[in-house]
Every structure is written in C-alpha cells, then in structure tokens.
Amino acid sequence: DEAFSISDRIAILDDGVIKQVGTPGDIYSNPANAFVASFIGDGNVI
C-alpha cells in the first residue's frame, strides 16, 4: 500500500533480482510473472 500510494514507478525484487519495473497501475493490472502476480494484492495464480 505504501509503495503504490507514493511512487512514480516501482521495482519488484525477489531473491536478489528485479522481477518487474513499472508504474503502480501497470504492475497491478499486468504482472509480468507468477511471483509478481501472487505477491501484489494477493493475486491468484492457477
């Protein structure tokens, strides 16, 4: 919530590497991979 409320862009990190970079809207609506999809907003991955 903190990241999405104040950022121009967000870089999502996991295991020492960047998984996706984008605006809050882009990342929420179009996650690039399963990690980002499940991490952001408790997204479901099937």
ModelCIF file with pLDDT and N, C-alpha, C, O atoms, coordinates in Angstrom:
data_MODEL
#
_entry.id   MODEL 
#
_entity.id                         1 
_entity.type                       polymer 
_entity.pdbx_number_of_molecules   1 
#
_entity_poly.entity_id                      1 
_entity_poly.type                           'polypeptide(L)' 
_entity_poly.nstd_linkage                   no 
_entity_poly.nstd_monomer                   no 
_entity_poly.pdbx_seq_one_letter_code       DEAFSISDRIAILDDGVIKQVGTPGDIYSNPANAFVASFIGDGNVI 
_entity_poly.pdbx_seq_one_letter_code_can   DEAFSISDRIAILDDGVIKQVGTPGDIYSNPANAFVASFIGDGNVI 
_entity_poly.pdbx_strand_id                 A 
#
loop_
_entity_poly_seq.entity_id 
_entity_poly_seq.num 
_entity_poly_seq.mon_id 
_entity_poly_seq.hetero 
1 1  ASP n 
1 2  GLU n 
1 3  ALA n 
1 4  PHE n 
1 5  SER n 
1 6  ILE n 
1 7  SER n 
1 8  ASP n 
1 9  ARG n 
1 10 ILE n 
1 11 ALA n 
1 12 ILE n 
1 13 LEU n 
1 14 ASP n 
1 15 ASP n 
1 16 GLY n 
1 17 VAL n 
1 18 ILE n 
1 19 LYS n 
1 20 GLN n 
1 21 VAL n 
1 22 GLY n 
1 23 THR n 
1 24 PRO n 
1 25 GLY n 
1 26 ASP n 
1 27 ILE n 
1 28 TYR n 
1 29 SER n 
1 30 ASN n 
1 31 PRO n 
1 32 ALA n 
1 33 ASN n 
1 34 ALA n 
1 35 PHE n 
1 36 VAL n 
1 37 ALA n 
1 38 SER n 
1 39 PHE n 
1 40 ILE n 
1 41 GLY n 
1 42 ASP n 
1 43 GLY n 
1 44 ASN n 
1 45 VAL n 
1 46 ILE n 
#
_struct_asym.id          A 
_struct_asym.entity_id   1 
#
loop_
_ma_qa_metric.id 
_ma_qa_metric.mode 
_ma_qa_metric.name 
_ma_qa_metric.software_group_id 
_ma_qa_metric.type 
1 global pLDDT . pLDDT 
2 local  pLDDT . pLDDT 
#
_ma_qa_metric_global.metric_id      1 
_ma_qa_metric_global.metric_value   91.65 
_ma_qa_metric_global.model_id       1 
_ma_qa_metric_global.ordinal_id     1 
#
loop_
_ma_qa_metric_local.label_asym_id 
_ma_qa_metric_local.label_comp_id 
_ma_qa_metric_local.label_seq_id 
_ma_qa_metric_local.metric_id 
_ma_qa_metric_local.metric_value 
_ma_qa_metric_local.model_id 
_ma_qa_metric_local.ordinal_id 
A ASP 1  2 89.00 1 1  
A GLU 2  2 91.00 1 2  
A ALA 3  2 93.00 1 3  
A PHE 4  2 93.00 1 4  
A SER 5  2 91.00 1 5  
A ILE 6  2 92.00 1 6  
A SER 7  2 95.00 1 7  
A ASP 8  2 95.00 1 8  
A ARG 9  2 97.00 1 9  
A ILE 10 2 97.00 1 10 
A ALA 11 2 97.00 1 11 
A ILE 12 2 97.00 1 12 
A LEU 13 2 96.00 1 13 
A ASP 14 2 95.00 1 14 
A ASP 15 2 93.00 1 15 
A GLY 16 2 93.00 1 16 
A VAL 17 2 95.00 1 17 
A ILE 18 2 96.00 1 18 
A LYS 19 2 96.00 1 19 
A GLN 20 2 96.00 1 20 
A VAL 21 2 97.00 1 21 
A GLY 22 2 96.00 1 22 
A THR 23 2 96.00 1 23 
A PRO 24 2 94.00 1 24 
A GLY 25 2 92.00 1 25 
A ASP 26 2 92.00 1 26 
A ILE 27 2 93.00 1 27 
A TYR 28 2 90.00 1 28 
A SER 29 2 86.00 1 29 
A ASN 30 2 87.00 1 30 
A PRO 31 2 91.00 1 31 
A ALA 32 2 89.00 1 32 
A ASN 33 2 90.00 1 33 
A ALA 34 2 89.00 1 34 
A PHE 35 2 92.00 1 35 
A VAL 36 2 93.00 1 36 
A ALA 37 2 90.00 1 37 
A SER 38 2 89.00 1 38 
A PHE 39 2 91.00 1 39 
A ILE 40 2 90.00 1 40 
A GLY 41 2 81.00 1 41 
A ASP 42 2 79.00 1 42 
A GLY 43 2 84.00 1 43 
A ASN 44 2 87.00 1 44 
A VAL 45 2 88.00 1 45 
A ILE 46 2 83.00 1 46 
#
loop_
_atom_site.group_PDB 
_atom_site.id 
_atom_site.type_symbol 
_atom_site.label_atom_id 
_atom_site.label_alt_id 
_atom_site.label_comp_id 
_atom_site.label_asym_id 
_atom_site.label_entity_id 
_atom_site.label_seq_id 
_atom_site.pdbx_PDB_ins_code 
_atom_site.Cartn_x 
_atom_site.Cartn_y 
_atom_site.Cartn_z 
_atom_site.occupancy 
_atom_site.B_iso_or_equiv 
_atom_site.pdbx_formal_charge 
_atom_site.auth_seq_id 
_atom_site.auth_comp_id 
_atom_site.auth_asym_id 
_atom_site.auth_atom_id 
_atom_site.pdbx_PDB_model_num 
ATOM 1   N N  . ASP A 1 1  ? 0.833  -1.203  0.000   1.00 89.00 ? 1  ASP A N  1 
ATOM 2   C CA . ASP A 1 1  ? 0.000  0.000   0.000   1.00 89.00 ? 1  ASP A CA 1 
ATOM 3   C C  . ASP A 1 1  ? 0.869  1.255   0.000   1.00 89.00 ? 1  ASP A C  1 
ATOM 4   O O  . ASP A 1 1  ? 0.588  2.224   -0.705  1.00 89.00 ? 1  ASP A O  1 
ATOM 5   N N  . GLU A 1 2  ? 1.923  1.216   0.799   1.00 91.00 ? 2  GLU A N  1 
ATOM 6   C CA . GLU A 1 2  ? 2.846  2.343   0.866   1.00 91.00 ? 2  GLU A CA 1 
ATOM 7   C C  . GLU A 1 2  ? 3.480  2.600   -0.494  1.00 91.00 ? 2  GLU A C  1 
ATOM 8   O O  . GLU A 1 2  ? 3.508  3.734   -0.973  1.00 91.00 ? 2  GLU A O  1 
ATOM 9   N N  . ALA A 1 3  ? 3.985  1.545   -1.106  1.00 93.00 ? 3  ALA A N  1 
ATOM 10  C CA . ALA A 1 3  ? 4.651  1.680   -2.401  1.00 93.00 ? 3  ALA A CA 1 
ATOM 11  C C  . ALA A 1 3  ? 3.706  2.217   -3.468  1.00 93.00 ? 3  ALA A C  1 
ATOM 12  O O  . ALA A 1 3  ? 4.080  3.091   -4.250  1.00 93.00 ? 3  ALA A O  1 
ATOM 13  N N  . PHE A 1 4  ? 2.490  1.699   -3.498  1.00 93.00 ? 4  PHE A N  1 
ATOM 14  C CA . PHE A 1 4  ? 1.547  2.084   -4.551  1.00 93.00 ? 4  PHE A CA 1 
ATOM 15  C C  . PHE A 1 4  ? 1.017  3.496   -4.358  1.00 93.00 ? 4  PHE A C  1 
ATOM 16  O O  . PHE A 1 4  ? 0.596  4.128   -5.326  1.00 93.00 ? 4  PHE A O  1 
ATOM 17  N N  . SER A 1 5  ? 1.027  4.000   -3.143  1.00 91.00 ? 5  SER A N  1 
ATOM 18  C CA . SER A 1 5  ? 0.443  5.321   -2.887  1.00 91.00 ? 5  SER A CA 1 
ATOM 19  C C  . SER A 1 5  ? 1.393  6.469   -3.179  1.00 91.00 ? 5  SER A C  1 
ATOM 20  O O  . SER A 1 5  ? 0.938  7.594   -3.383  1.00 91.00 ? 5  SER A O  1 
ATOM 21  N N  . ILE A 1 6  ? 2.695  6.225   -3.205  1.00 92.00 ? 6  ILE A N  1 
ATOM 22  C CA . ILE A 1 6  ? 3.635  7.346   -3.298  1.00 92.00 ? 6  ILE A CA 1 
ATOM 23  C C  . ILE A 1 6  ? 4.571  7.298   -4.494  1.00 92.00 ? 6  ILE A C  1 
ATOM 24  O O  . ILE A 1 6  ? 5.280  8.273   -4.741  1.00 92.00 ? 6  ILE A O  1 
ATOM 25  N N  . SER A 1 7  ? 4.603  6.208   -5.245  1.00 95.00 ? 7  SER A N  1 
ATOM 26  C CA . SER A 1 7  ? 5.672  6.010   -6.232  1.00 95.00 ? 7  SER A CA 1 
ATOM 27  C C  . SER A 1 7  ? 5.287  6.463   -7.634  1.00 95.00 ? 7  SER A C  1 
ATOM 28  O O  . SER A 1 7  ? 4.133  6.349   -8.046  1.00 95.00 ? 7  SER A O  1 
ATOM 29  N N  . ASP A 1 8  ? 6.278  6.978   -8.358  1.00 95.00 ? 8  ASP A N  1 
ATOM 30  C CA . ASP A 1 8  ? 6.134  7.145   -9.805  1.00 95.00 ? 8  ASP A CA 1 
ATOM 31  C C  . ASP A 1 8  ? 6.251  5.784   -10.483 1.00 95.00 ? 8  ASP A C  1 
ATOM 32  O O  . ASP A 1 8  ? 5.436  5.417   -11.329 1.00 95.00 ? 8  ASP A O  1 
ATOM 33  N N  . ARG A 1 9  ? 7.292  5.044   -10.085 1.00 97.00 ? 9  ARG A N  1 
ATOM 34  C CA . ARG A 1 9  ? 7.473  3.671   -10.562 1.00 97.00 ? 9  ARG A CA 1 
ATOM 35  C C  . ARG A 1 9  ? 7.916  2.795   -9.401  1.00 97.00 ? 9  ARG A C  1 
ATOM 36  O O  . ARG A 1 9  ? 8.402  3.276   -8.378  1.00 97.00 ? 9  ARG A O  1 
ATOM 37  N N  . ILE A 1 10 ? 7.731  1.488   -9.594  1.00 97.00 ? 10 ILE A N  1 
ATOM 38  C CA . ILE A 1 10 ? 8.095  0.505   -8.579  1.00 97.00 ? 10 ILE A CA 1 
ATOM 39  C C  . ILE A 1 10 ? 8.948  -0.573  -9.235  1.00 97.00 ? 10 ILE A C  1 
ATOM 40  O O  . ILE A 1 10 ? 8.648  -1.038  -10.335 1.00 97.00 ? 10 ILE A O  1 
ATOM 41  N N  . ALA A 1 11 ? 10.025 -0.965  -8.536  1.00 97.00 ? 11 ALA A N  1 
ATOM 42  C CA . ALA A 1 11 ? 10.816 -2.123  -8.948  1.00 97.00 ? 11 ALA A CA 1 
ATOM 43  C C  . ALA A 1 11 ? 10.540 -3.241  -7.950  1.00 97.00 ? 11 ALA A C  1 
ATOM 44  O O  . ALA A 1 11 ? 10.820 -3.094  -6.760  1.00 97.00 ? 11 ALA A O  1 
ATOM 45  N N  . ILE A 1 12 ? 9.994  -4.352  -8.425  1.00 97.00 ? 12 ILE A N  1 
ATOM 46  C CA . ILE A 1 12 ? 9.696  -5.500  -7.574  1.00 97.00 ? 12 ILE A CA 1 
ATOM 47  C C  . ILE A 1 12 ? 10.917 -6.399  -7.516  1.00 97.00 ? 12 ILE A C  1 
ATOM 48  O O  . ILE A 1 12 ? 11.405 -6.852  -8.551  1.00 97.00 ? 12 ILE A O  1 
ATOM 49  N N  . LEU A 1 13 ? 11.424 -6.666  -6.294  1.00 96.00 ? 13 LEU A N  1 
ATOM 50  C CA . LEU A 1 13 ? 12.591 -7.522  -6.116  1.00 96.00 ? 13 LEU A CA 1 
ATOM 51  C C  . LEU A 1 13 ? 12.197 -8.820  -5.432  1.00 96.00 ? 13 LEU A C  1 
ATOM 52  O O  . LEU A 1 13 ? 11.302 -8.850  -4.587  1.00 96.00 ? 13 LEU A O  1 
ATOM 53  N N  . ASP A 1 14 ? 12.873 -9.882  -5.809  1.00 95.00 ? 14 ASP A N  1 
ATOM 54  C CA . ASP A 1 14 ? 12.760 -11.167 -5.112  1.00 95.00 ? 14 ASP A CA 1 
ATOM 55  C C  . ASP A 1 14 ? 14.043 -11.947 -5.346  1.00 95.00 ? 14 ASP A C  1 
ATOM 56  O O  . ASP A 1 14 ? 14.557 -12.001 -6.464  1.00 95.00 ? 14 ASP A O  1 
ATOM 57  N N  . ASP A 1 15 ? 14.549 -12.544 -4.291  1.00 93.00 ? 15 ASP A N  1 
ATOM 58  C CA . ASP A 1 15 ? 15.750 -13.369 -4.390  1.00 93.00 ? 15 ASP A CA 1 
ATOM 59  C C  . ASP A 1 15 ? 16.903 -12.620 -5.040  1.00 93.00 ? 15 ASP A C  1 
ATOM 60  O O  . ASP A 1 15 ? 17.689 -13.197 -5.791  1.00 93.00 ? 15 ASP A O  1 
ATOM 61  N N  . GLY A 1 16 ? 16.995 -11.319 -4.740  1.00 93.00 ? 16 GLY A N  1 
ATOM 62  C CA . GLY A 1 16 ? 18.140 -10.542 -5.188  1.00 93.00 ? 16 GLY A CA 1 
ATOM 63  C C  . GLY A 1 16 ? 18.083 -9.991  -6.586  1.00 93.00 ? 16 GLY A C  1 
ATOM 64  O O  . GLY A 1 16 ? 19.042 -9.363  -7.036  1.00 93.00 ? 16 GLY A O  1 
ATOM 65  N N  . VAL A 1 17 ? 16.975 -10.207 -7.299  1.00 95.00 ? 17 VAL A N  1 
ATOM 66  C CA . VAL A 1 17 ? 16.879 -9.697  -8.672  1.00 95.00 ? 17 VAL A CA 1 
ATOM 67  C C  . VAL A 1 17 ? 15.551 -8.963  -8.862  1.00 95.00 ? 17 VAL A C  1 
ATOM 68  O O  . VAL A 1 17 ? 14.590 -9.181  -8.125  1.00 95.00 ? 17 VAL A O  1 
ATOM 69  N N  . ILE A 1 18 ? 15.525 -8.095  -9.864  1.00 96.00 ? 18 ILE A N  1 
ATOM 70  C CA . ILE A 1 18 ? 14.299 -7.359  -10.193 1.00 96.00 ? 18 ILE A CA 1 
ATOM 71  C C  . ILE A 1 18 ? 13.394 -8.237  -11.038 1.00 96.00 ? 18 ILE A C  1 
ATOM 72  O O  . ILE A 1 18 ? 13.816 -8.769  -12.065 1.00 96.00 ? 18 ILE A O  1 
ATOM 73  N N  . LYS A 1 19 ? 12.151 -8.389  -10.605 1.00 96.00 ? 19 LYS A N  1 
ATOM 74  C CA . LYS A 1 19 ? 11.177 -9.194  -11.328 1.00 96.00 ? 19 LYS A CA 1 
ATOM 75  C C  . LYS A 1 19 ? 10.328 -8.375  -12.292 1.00 96.00 ? 19 LYS A C  1 
ATOM 76  O O  . LYS A 1 19 ? 9.883  -8.882  -13.321 1.00 96.00 ? 19 LYS A O  1 
ATOM 77  N N  . GLN A 1 20 ? 10.105 -7.105  -11.955 1.00 96.00 ? 20 GLN A N  1 
ATOM 78  C CA . GLN A 1 20 ? 9.328  -6.227  -12.838 1.00 96.00 ? 20 GLN A CA 1 
ATOM 79  C C  . GLN A 1 20 ? 9.529  -4.787  -12.408 1.00 96.00 ? 20 GLN A C  1 
ATOM 80  O O  . GLN A 1 20 ? 9.665  -4.493  -11.220 1.00 96.00 ? 20 GLN A O  1 
ATOM 81  N N  . VAL A 1 21 ? 9.546  -3.895  -13.384 1.00 97.00 ? 21 VAL A N  1 
ATOM 82  C CA . VAL A 1 21 ? 9.595  -2.459  -13.134 1.00 97.00 ? 21 VAL A CA 1 
ATOM 83  C C  . VAL A 1 21 ? 8.450  -1.811  -13.901 1.00 97.00 ? 21 VAL A C  1 
ATOM 84  O O  . VAL A 1 21 ? 8.234  -2.116  -15.074 1.00 97.00 ? 21 VAL A O  1 
ATOM 85  N N  . GLY A 1 22 ? 7.720  -0.923  -13.244 1.00 96.00 ? 22 GLY A N  1 
ATOM 86  C CA . GLY A 1 22 ? 6.629  -0.248  -13.930 1.00 96.00 ? 22 GLY A CA 1 
ATOM 87  C C  . GLY A 1 22 ? 5.900  0.704   -13.017 1.00 96.00 ? 22 GLY A C  1 
ATOM 88  O O  . GLY A 1 22 ? 6.224  0.817   -11.834 1.00 96.00 ? 22 GLY A O  1 
ATOM 89  N N  . THR A 1 23 ? 4.912  1.392   -13.566 1.00 96.00 ? 23 THR A N  1 
ATOM 90  C CA . THR A 1 23 ? 4.070  2.241   -12.748 1.00 96.00 ? 23 THR A CA 1 
ATOM 91  C C  . THR A 1 23 ? 3.193  1.363   -11.859 1.00 96.00 ? 23 THR A C  1 
ATOM 92  O O  . THR A 1 23 ? 2.980  0.192   -12.176 1.00 96.00 ? 23 THR A O  1 
ATOM 93  N N  . PRO A 1 24 ? 2.682  1.902   -10.756 1.00 94.00 ? 24 PRO A N  1 
ATOM 94  C CA . PRO A 1 24 ? 1.790  1.094   -9.917  1.00 94.00 ? 24 PRO A CA 1 
ATOM 95  C C  . PRO A 1 24 ? 0.625  0.480   -10.706 1.00 94.00 ? 24 PRO A C  1 
ATOM 96  O O  . PRO A 1 24 ? 0.280  -0.684  -10.504 1.00 94.00 ? 24 PRO A O  1 
ATOM 97  N N  . GLY A 1 25 ? 0.027  1.265   -11.599 1.00 92.00 ? 25 GLY A N  1 
ATOM 98  C CA . GLY A 1 25 ? -1.092 0.742   -12.382 1.00 92.00 ? 25 GLY A CA 1 
ATOM 99  C C  . GLY A 1 25 ? -0.695 -0.389  -13.299 1.00 92.00 ? 25 GLY A C  1 
ATOM 100 O O  . GLY A 1 25 ? -1.412 -1.382  -13.415 1.00 92.00 ? 25 GLY A O  1 
ATOM 101 N N  . ASP A 1 26 ? 0.456  -0.244  -13.958 1.00 92.00 ? 26 ASP A N  1 
ATOM 102 C CA . ASP A 1 26 ? 0.929  -1.293  -14.866 1.00 92.00 ? 26 ASP A CA 1 
ATOM 103 C C  . ASP A 1 26 ? 1.211  -2.589  -14.122 1.00 92.00 ? 26 ASP A C  1 
ATOM 104 O O  . ASP A 1 26 ? 0.830  -3.671  -14.569 1.00 92.00 ? 26 ASP A O  1 
ATOM 105 N N  . ILE A 1 27 ? 1.878  -2.467  -12.989 1.00 93.00 ? 27 ILE A N  1 
ATOM 106 C CA . ILE A 1 27 ? 2.244  -3.667  -12.242 1.00 93.00 ? 27 ILE A CA 1 
ATOM 107 C C  . ILE A 1 27 ? 1.010  -4.378  -11.710 1.00 93.00 ? 27 ILE A C  1 
ATOM 108 O O  . ILE A 1 27 ? 0.930  -5.606  -11.748 1.00 93.00 ? 27 ILE A O  1 
ATOM 109 N N  . TYR A 1 28 ? 0.051  -3.608  -11.215 1.00 90.00 ? 28 TYR A N  1 
ATOM 110 C CA . TYR A 1 28 ? -1.155 -4.237  -10.669 1.00 90.00 ? 28 TYR A CA 1 
ATOM 111 C C  . TYR A 1 28 ? -1.982 -4.904  -11.763 1.00 90.00 ? 28 TYR A C  1 
ATOM 112 O O  . TYR A 1 28 ? -2.474 -6.019  -11.587 1.00 90.00 ? 28 TYR A O  1 
ATOM 113 N N  . SER A 1 29 ? -2.129 -4.220  -12.882 1.00 86.00 ? 29 SER A N  1 
ATOM 114 C CA . SER A 1 29 ? -3.006 -4.742  -13.940 1.00 86.00 ? 29 SER A CA 1 
ATOM 115 C C  . SER A 1 29 ? -2.330 -5.776  -14.822 1.00 86.00 ? 29 SER A C  1 
ATOM 116 O O  . SER A 1 29 ? -2.997 -6.658  -15.361 1.00 86.00 ? 29 SER A O  1 
ATOM 117 N N  . ASN A 1 30 ? -1.008 -5.680  -14.977 1.00 87.00 ? 30 ASN A N  1 
ATOM 118 C CA . ASN A 1 30 ? -0.304 -6.567  -15.904 1.00 87.00 ? 30 ASN A CA 1 
ATOM 119 C C  . ASN A 1 30 ? 0.959  -7.135  -15.275 1.00 87.00 ? 30 ASN A C  1 
ATOM 120 O O  . ASN A 1 30 ? 2.062  -6.789  -15.699 1.00 87.00 ? 30 ASN A O  1 
ATOM 121 N N  . PRO A 1 31 ? 0.825  -8.000  -14.270 1.00 91.00 ? 31 PRO A N  1 
ATOM 122 C CA . PRO A 1 31 ? 2.007  -8.615  -13.665 1.00 91.00 ? 31 PRO A CA 1 
ATOM 123 C C  . PRO A 1 31 ? 2.777  -9.411  -14.703 1.00 91.00 ? 31 PRO A C  1 
ATOM 124 O O  . PRO A 1 31 ? 2.185  -10.092 -15.541 1.00 91.00 ? 31 PRO A O  1 
ATOM 125 N N  . ALA A 1 32 ? 4.114  -9.321  -14.644 1.00 89.00 ? 32 ALA A N  1 
ATOM 126 C CA . ALA A 1 32 ? 4.947  -9.918  -15.682 1.00 89.00 ? 32 ALA A CA 1 
ATOM 127 C C  . ALA A 1 32 ? 5.179  -11.407 -15.485 1.00 89.00 ? 32 ALA A C  1 
ATOM 128 O O  . ALA A 1 32 ? 5.514  -12.113 -16.436 1.00 89.00 ? 32 ALA A O  1 
ATOM 129 N N  . ASN A 1 33 ? 5.003  -11.894 -14.261 1.00 90.00 ? 33 ASN A N  1 
ATOM 130 C CA . ASN A 1 33 ? 5.308  -13.297 -13.981 1.00 90.00 ? 33 ASN A CA 1 
ATOM 131 C C  . ASN A 1 33 ? 4.529  -13.755 -12.752 1.00 90.00 ? 33 ASN A C  1 
ATOM 132 O O  . ASN A 1 33 ? 3.825  -12.970 -12.116 1.00 90.00 ? 33 ASN A O  1 
ATOM 133 N N  . ALA A 1 34 ? 4.668  -15.033 -12.432 1.00 89.00 ? 34 ALA A N  1 
ATOM 134 C CA . ALA A 1 34 ? 3.879  -15.619 -11.342 1.00 89.00 ? 34 ALA A CA 1 
ATOM 135 C C  . ALA A 1 34 ? 4.225  -15.012 -9.993  1.00 89.00 ? 34 ALA A C  1 
ATOM 136 O O  . ALA A 1 34 ? 3.343  -14.839 -9.152  1.00 89.00 ? 34 ALA A O  1 
ATOM 137 N N  . PHE A 1 35 ? 5.511  -14.679 -9.769  1.00 92.00 ? 35 PHE A N  1 
ATOM 138 C CA . PHE A 1 35 ? 5.860  -14.094 -8.478  1.00 92.00 ? 35 PHE A CA 1 
ATOM 139 C C  . PHE A 1 35 ? 5.159  -12.767 -8.265  1.00 92.00 ? 35 PHE A C  1 
ATOM 140 O O  . PHE A 1 35 ? 4.540  -12.549 -7.224  1.00 92.00 ? 35 PHE A O  1 
ATOM 141 N N  . VAL A 1 36 ? 5.253  -11.876 -9.249  1.00 93.00 ? 36 VAL A N  1 
ATOM 142 C CA . VAL A 1 36 ? 4.618  -10.563 -9.117  1.00 93.00 ? 36 VAL A CA 1 
ATOM 143 C C  . VAL A 1 36 ? 3.108  -10.715 -8.972  1.00 93.00 ? 36 VAL A C  1 
ATOM 144 O O  . VAL A 1 36 ? 2.487  -10.030 -8.158  1.00 93.00 ? 36 VAL A O  1 
ATOM 145 N N  . ALA A 1 37 ? 2.522  -11.606 -9.754  1.00 90.00 ? 37 ALA A N  1 
ATOM 146 C CA . ALA A 1 37 ? 1.067  -11.806 -9.690  1.00 90.00 ? 37 ALA A CA 1 
ATOM 147 C C  . ALA A 1 37 ? 0.617  -12.252 -8.312  1.00 90.00 ? 37 ALA A C  1 
ATOM 148 O O  . ALA A 1 37 ? -0.411 -11.789 -7.820  1.00 90.00 ? 37 ALA A O  1 
ATOM 149 N N  . SER A 1 38 ? 1.368  -13.140 -7.684  1.00 89.00 ? 38 SER A N  1 
ATOM 150 C CA . SER A 1 38 ? 0.973  -13.654 -6.370  1.00 89.00 ? 38 SER A CA 1 
ATOM 151 C C  . SER A 1 38 ? 1.353  -12.697 -5.248  1.00 89.00 ? 38 SER A C  1 
ATOM 152 O O  . SER A 1 38 ? 0.688  -12.662 -4.212  1.00 89.00 ? 38 SER A O  1 
ATOM 153 N N  . PHE A 1 39 ? 2.427  -11.910 -5.445  1.00 91.00 ? 39 PHE A N  1 
ATOM 154 C CA . PHE A 1 39 ? 2.899  -11.010 -4.406  1.00 91.00 ? 39 PHE A CA 1 
ATOM 155 C C  . PHE A 1 39 ? 2.049  -9.748  -4.302  1.00 91.00 ? 39 PHE A C  1 
ATOM 156 O O  . PHE A 1 39 ? 1.745  -9.291  -3.200  1.00 91.00 ? 39 PHE A O  1 
ATOM 157 N N  . ILE A 1 40 ? 1.672  -9.196  -5.429  1.00 90.00 ? 40 ILE A N  1 
ATOM 158 C CA . ILE A 1 40 ? 0.935  -7.929  -5.441  1.00 90.00 ? 40 ILE A CA 1 
ATOM 159 C C  . ILE A 1 40 ? -0.553 -8.191  -5.240  1.00 90.00 ? 40 ILE A C  1 
ATOM 160 O O  . ILE A 1 40 ? -1.194 -8.873  -6.040  1.00 90.00 ? 40 ILE A O  1 
ATOM 161 N N  . GLY A 1 41 ? -1.084 -7.641  -4.162  1.00 81.00 ? 41 GLY A N  1 
ATOM 162 C CA . GLY A 1 41 ? -2.519 -7.729  -3.924  1.00 81.00 ? 41 GLY A CA 1 
ATOM 163 C C  . GLY A 1 41 ? -3.043 -9.128  -3.698  1.00 81.00 ? 41 GLY A C  1 
ATOM 164 O O  . GLY A 1 41 ? -4.224 -9.391  -3.924  1.00 81.00 ? 41 GLY A O  1 
ATOM 165 N N  . ASP A 1 42 ? -2.172 -10.046 -3.249  1.00 79.00 ? 42 ASP A N  1 
ATOM 166 C CA . ASP A 1 42 ? -2.595 -11.436 -3.032  1.00 79.00 ? 42 ASP A CA 1 
ATOM 167 C C  . ASP A 1 42 ? -3.246 -12.033 -4.279  1.00 79.00 ? 42 ASP A C  1 
ATOM 168 O O  . ASP A 1 42 ? -4.254 -12.733 -4.192  1.00 79.00 ? 42 ASP A O  1 
ATOM 169 N N  . GLY A 1 43 ? -2.654 -11.746 -5.439  1.00 84.00 ? 43 GLY A N  1 
ATOM 170 C CA . GLY A 1 43 ? -3.224 -12.253 -6.684  1.00 84.00 ? 43 GLY A CA 1 
ATOM 171 C C  . GLY A 1 43 ? -3.203 -13.768 -6.744  1.00 84.00 ? 43 GLY A C  1 
ATOM 172 O O  . GLY A 1 43 ? -2.299 -14.410 -6.210  1.00 84.00 ? 43 GLY A O  1 
ATOM 173 N N  . ASN A 1 44 ? -4.201 -14.330 -7.395  1.00 87.00 ? 44 ASN A N  1 
ATOM 174 C CA . ASN A 1 44 ? -4.294 -15.778 -7.556  1.00 87.00 ? 44 ASN A CA 1 
ATOM 175 C C  . ASN A 1 44 ? -3.530 -16.224 -8.794  1.00 87.00 ? 44 ASN A C  1 
ATOM 176 O O  . ASN A 1 44 ? -3.629 -15.601 -9.851  1.00 87.00 ? 44 ASN A O  1 
ATOM 177 N N  . VAL A 1 45 ? -2.776 -17.292 -8.662  1.00 88.00 ? 45 VAL A N  1 
ATOM 178 C CA . VAL A 1 45 ? -2.069 -17.888 -9.788  1.00 88.00 ? 45 VAL A CA 1 
ATOM 179 C C  . VAL A 1 45 ? -2.530 -19.328 -9.920  1.00 88.00 ? 45 VAL A C  1 
ATOM 180 O O  . VAL A 1 45 ? -2.413 -20.113 -8.979  1.00 88.00 ? 45 VAL A O  1 
ATOM 181 N N  . ILE A 1 46 ? -3.056 -19.673 -11.090 1.00 83.00 ? 46 ILE A N  1 
ATOM 182 C CA . ILE A 1 46 ? -3.572 -21.022 -11.338 1.00 83.00 ? 46 ILE A CA 1 
ATOM 183 C C  . ILE A 1 46 ? -2.738 -21.670 -12.430 1.00 83.00 ? 46 ILE A C  1 
ATOM 184 O O  . ILE A 1 46 ? -2.994 -22.814 -12.805 1.00 83.00 ? 46 ILE A O  1 
#
